[in-house]
Amino acid sequence: MTPYTFRRQNRNSRTVVILIAVYAALLTLIIVFDAAWWLVGLLSVATLPAVWDILQDSSAGMSMEADQIAWYSGKRQGHINLQEIDYFRFDTRWDFSVRVSMILTTGKRVRLPDESLPPHRTLEKILENAGFTVRRHHFTVF
């Protein structure tokens, strides 16, 4: 099996541009439309997690080596030996996001953090090339 590593930085230009656009729109609401400051403040609360990620410059990622798969997201991390994994389950949610879980030989499910994973189609190919079974379930609730 070929080792694989994926890494993502939360401080990237795309996030910064989106935040600038959102704050420009909120400022426009105040200046042009004379919106209530408390309403604009309430709307800006939704941006705080992105601002926190940029300030912390946290990273997330995963790696798969010959004997284990490891992942991390900020201060959270984990790893599992490949021999313990029965198959991978890809669940497509109603918002079209894809959640990835490892189903262990014991029957236990371990959900991988979304932010630590590469695009799901890329990950699926990597896992299949490594010899794992990948099961897809579309539009599940959990």
Protein backbone atom coordinates (compact mmCIF):
# COMPACT_ATOMS: atom_id res chain seq x y z
CA MET A 1 0.00 0.00 0.00
CA THR A 2 1.23 3.48 -0.87
CA PRO A 3 1.35 5.87 2.09
CA TYR A 4 -1.04 8.81 1.79
CA THR A 5 -1.05 12.16 3.61
CA PHE A 6 -3.59 14.98 3.46
CA ARG A 7 -3.32 18.32 5.28
CA ARG A 8 -5.55 21.38 5.35
CA GLN A 9 -4.83 24.79 6.89
CA ASN A 10 -7.82 26.74 8.20
CA ARG A 11 -6.06 30.03 7.52
CA ASN A 12 -6.39 30.22 3.76
CA SER A 13 -7.20 32.94 1.26
CA ARG A 14 -10.65 31.54 0.47
CA THR A 15 -11.81 31.85 4.08
CA VAL A 16 -10.38 35.34 4.42
CA VAL A 17 -12.08 36.51 1.20
CA ILE A 18 -15.43 35.07 2.34
CA LEU A 19 -15.14 36.80 5.71
CA ILE A 20 -14.28 40.13 4.05
CA ALA A 21 -17.30 39.77 1.77
CA VAL A 22 -19.62 38.93 4.66
CA TYR A 23 -18.41 41.85 6.77
CA ALA A 24 -18.70 44.18 3.75
CA ALA A 25 -22.30 43.04 3.28
CA LEU A 26 -23.04 43.58 6.97
CA LEU A 27 -21.49 47.04 6.84
CA THR A 28 -23.57 47.79 3.75
CA LEU A 29 -26.69 46.83 5.70
CA ILE A 30 -25.80 49.39 8.36
CA ILE A 31 -24.70 52.23 6.05
CA VAL A 32 -27.07 51.91 3.09
CA PHE A 33 -30.15 50.33 4.64
CA ASP A 34 -29.79 51.78 8.15
CA ALA A 35 -30.13 48.31 9.69
CA ALA A 36 -30.29 47.98 13.44
CA TRP A 37 -26.83 47.44 14.91
CA TRP A 38 -28.05 44.64 17.18
CA LEU A 39 -29.47 42.75 14.20
CA VAL A 40 -26.21 43.06 12.27
CA GLY A 41 -24.34 42.01 15.41
CA LEU A 42 -26.55 38.96 15.71
CA LEU A 43 -25.89 38.06 12.07
CA SER A 44 -22.15 38.44 12.57
CA VAL A 45 -22.13 35.84 15.36
CA ALA A 46 -22.25 33.13 12.67
CA THR A 47 -18.81 34.23 11.45
CA LEU A 48 -17.06 33.83 14.81
CA PRO A 49 -15.99 30.16 14.30
CA ALA A 50 -14.28 31.11 11.02
CA VAL A 51 -12.58 34.09 12.66
CA TRP A 52 -11.40 31.84 15.50
CA ASP A 53 -9.97 29.31 13.02
CA ILE A 54 -8.06 32.07 11.22
CA LEU A 55 -6.68 33.49 14.45
CA GLN A 56 -5.62 30.07 15.73
CA ASP A 57 -4.30 28.95 12.32
CA SER A 58 -5.30 25.41 13.19
CA SER A 59 -4.79 22.56 10.76
CA ALA A 60 -6.47 19.26 10.07
CA GLY A 61 -5.50 16.19 8.12
CA MET A 62 -5.10 12.46 7.89
CA SER A 63 -2.45 9.97 6.94
CA MET A 64 -2.64 6.34 5.97
CA GLU A 65 0.42 4.17 6.27
CA ALA A 66 1.06 0.45 5.95
CA ASP A 67 -0.28 -0.38 9.41
CA GLN A 68 -2.55 2.46 10.56
CA ILE A 69 -4.74 5.39 9.66
CA ALA A 70 -4.34 8.57 11.71
CA TRP A 71 -6.25 11.86 11.74
CA TYR A 72 -6.13 15.18 13.55
CA SER A 73 -8.16 18.34 13.72
CA GLY A 74 -6.87 21.15 15.89
CA LYS A 75 -6.08 19.54 19.23
CA ARG A 76 -8.13 16.39 18.57
CA GLN A 77 -6.39 13.36 17.13
CA GLY A 78 -6.79 9.65 16.77
CA HIS A 79 -5.49 6.56 15.02
CA ILE A 80 -6.61 3.00 14.32
CA ASN A 81 -4.72 -0.02 13.10
CA LEU A 82 -5.80 -1.02 9.61
CA GLN A 83 -6.38 -4.63 10.72
CA GLU A 84 -9.18 -3.42 13.02
CA ILE A 85 -11.18 -1.87 10.15
CA ASP A 86 -13.91 -3.95 8.52
CA TYR A 87 -15.07 -1.35 5.98
CA PHE A 88 -15.61 2.37 5.41
CA ARG A 89 -19.09 3.85 5.26
CA PHE A 90 -19.77 7.03 3.27
CA ASP A 91 -23.11 8.63 4.21
CA THR A 92 -24.49 11.33 1.92
CA ARG A 93 -26.64 13.68 3.99
CA TRP A 94 -29.64 15.74 2.87
CA ASP A 95 -27.40 18.81 2.52
CA PHE A 96 -25.21 16.74 0.11
CA SER A 97 -22.30 16.64 2.57
CA VAL A 98 -20.61 13.26 2.97
CA ARG A 99 -19.75 11.83 6.39
CA VAL A 100 -17.14 9.09 6.57
CA SER A 101 -17.10 6.42 9.24
CA MET A 102 -14.88 3.43 9.85
CA ILE A 103 -16.77 0.33 10.87
CA LEU A 104 -14.46 -1.82 12.96
CA THR A 105 -14.42 -5.61 13.07
CA THR A 106 -15.98 -5.31 16.55
CA GLY A 107 -18.97 -3.48 15.03
CA LYS A 108 -18.03 -0.14 16.58
CA ARG A 109 -18.37 2.94 14.36
CA VAL A 110 -15.67 5.63 14.39
CA ARG A 111 -16.64 8.83 12.59
CA LEU A 112 -13.75 10.71 11.00
CA PRO A 113 -13.81 14.52 11.39
CA ASP A 114 -15.01 16.15 8.17
CA GLU A 115 -12.35 18.84 8.23
CA SER A 116 -9.53 16.28 8.33
CA LEU A 117 -10.58 14.44 5.16
CA PRO A 118 -9.75 15.04 1.51
CA PRO A 119 -12.63 15.31 -0.98
CA HIS A 120 -14.79 12.19 -0.62
CA ARG A 121 -14.31 10.93 -4.18
CA THR A 122 -10.53 11.13 -3.81
CA LEU A 123 -10.68 9.37 -0.45
CA GLU A 124 -12.90 6.63 -1.85
CA LYS A 125 -10.41 5.86 -4.62
CA ILE A 126 -7.50 5.82 -2.16
CA LEU A 127 -9.34 3.44 0.16
CA GLU A 128 -10.39 1.11 -2.66
CA ASN A 129 -6.82 1.06 -4.03
CA ALA A 130 -5.66 0.10 -0.52
CA GLY A 131 -8.04 -2.87 -0.59
CA PHE A 132 -10.81 -1.59 1.67
CA THR A 133 -14.51 -2.05 1.08
CA VAL A 134 -16.36 1.25 0.75
CA ARG A 135 -20.12 1.27 1.23
CA ARG A 136 -22.14 4.31 0.19
CA HIS A 137 -25.45 5.22 1.79
CA HIS A 138 -27.33 8.13 0.26
CA PHE A 139 -29.50 10.59 2.13
CA THR A 140 -29.35 9.12 5.58
CA VAL A 141 -30.30 11.12 8.65
CA PHE A 142 -27.60 9.96 11.10
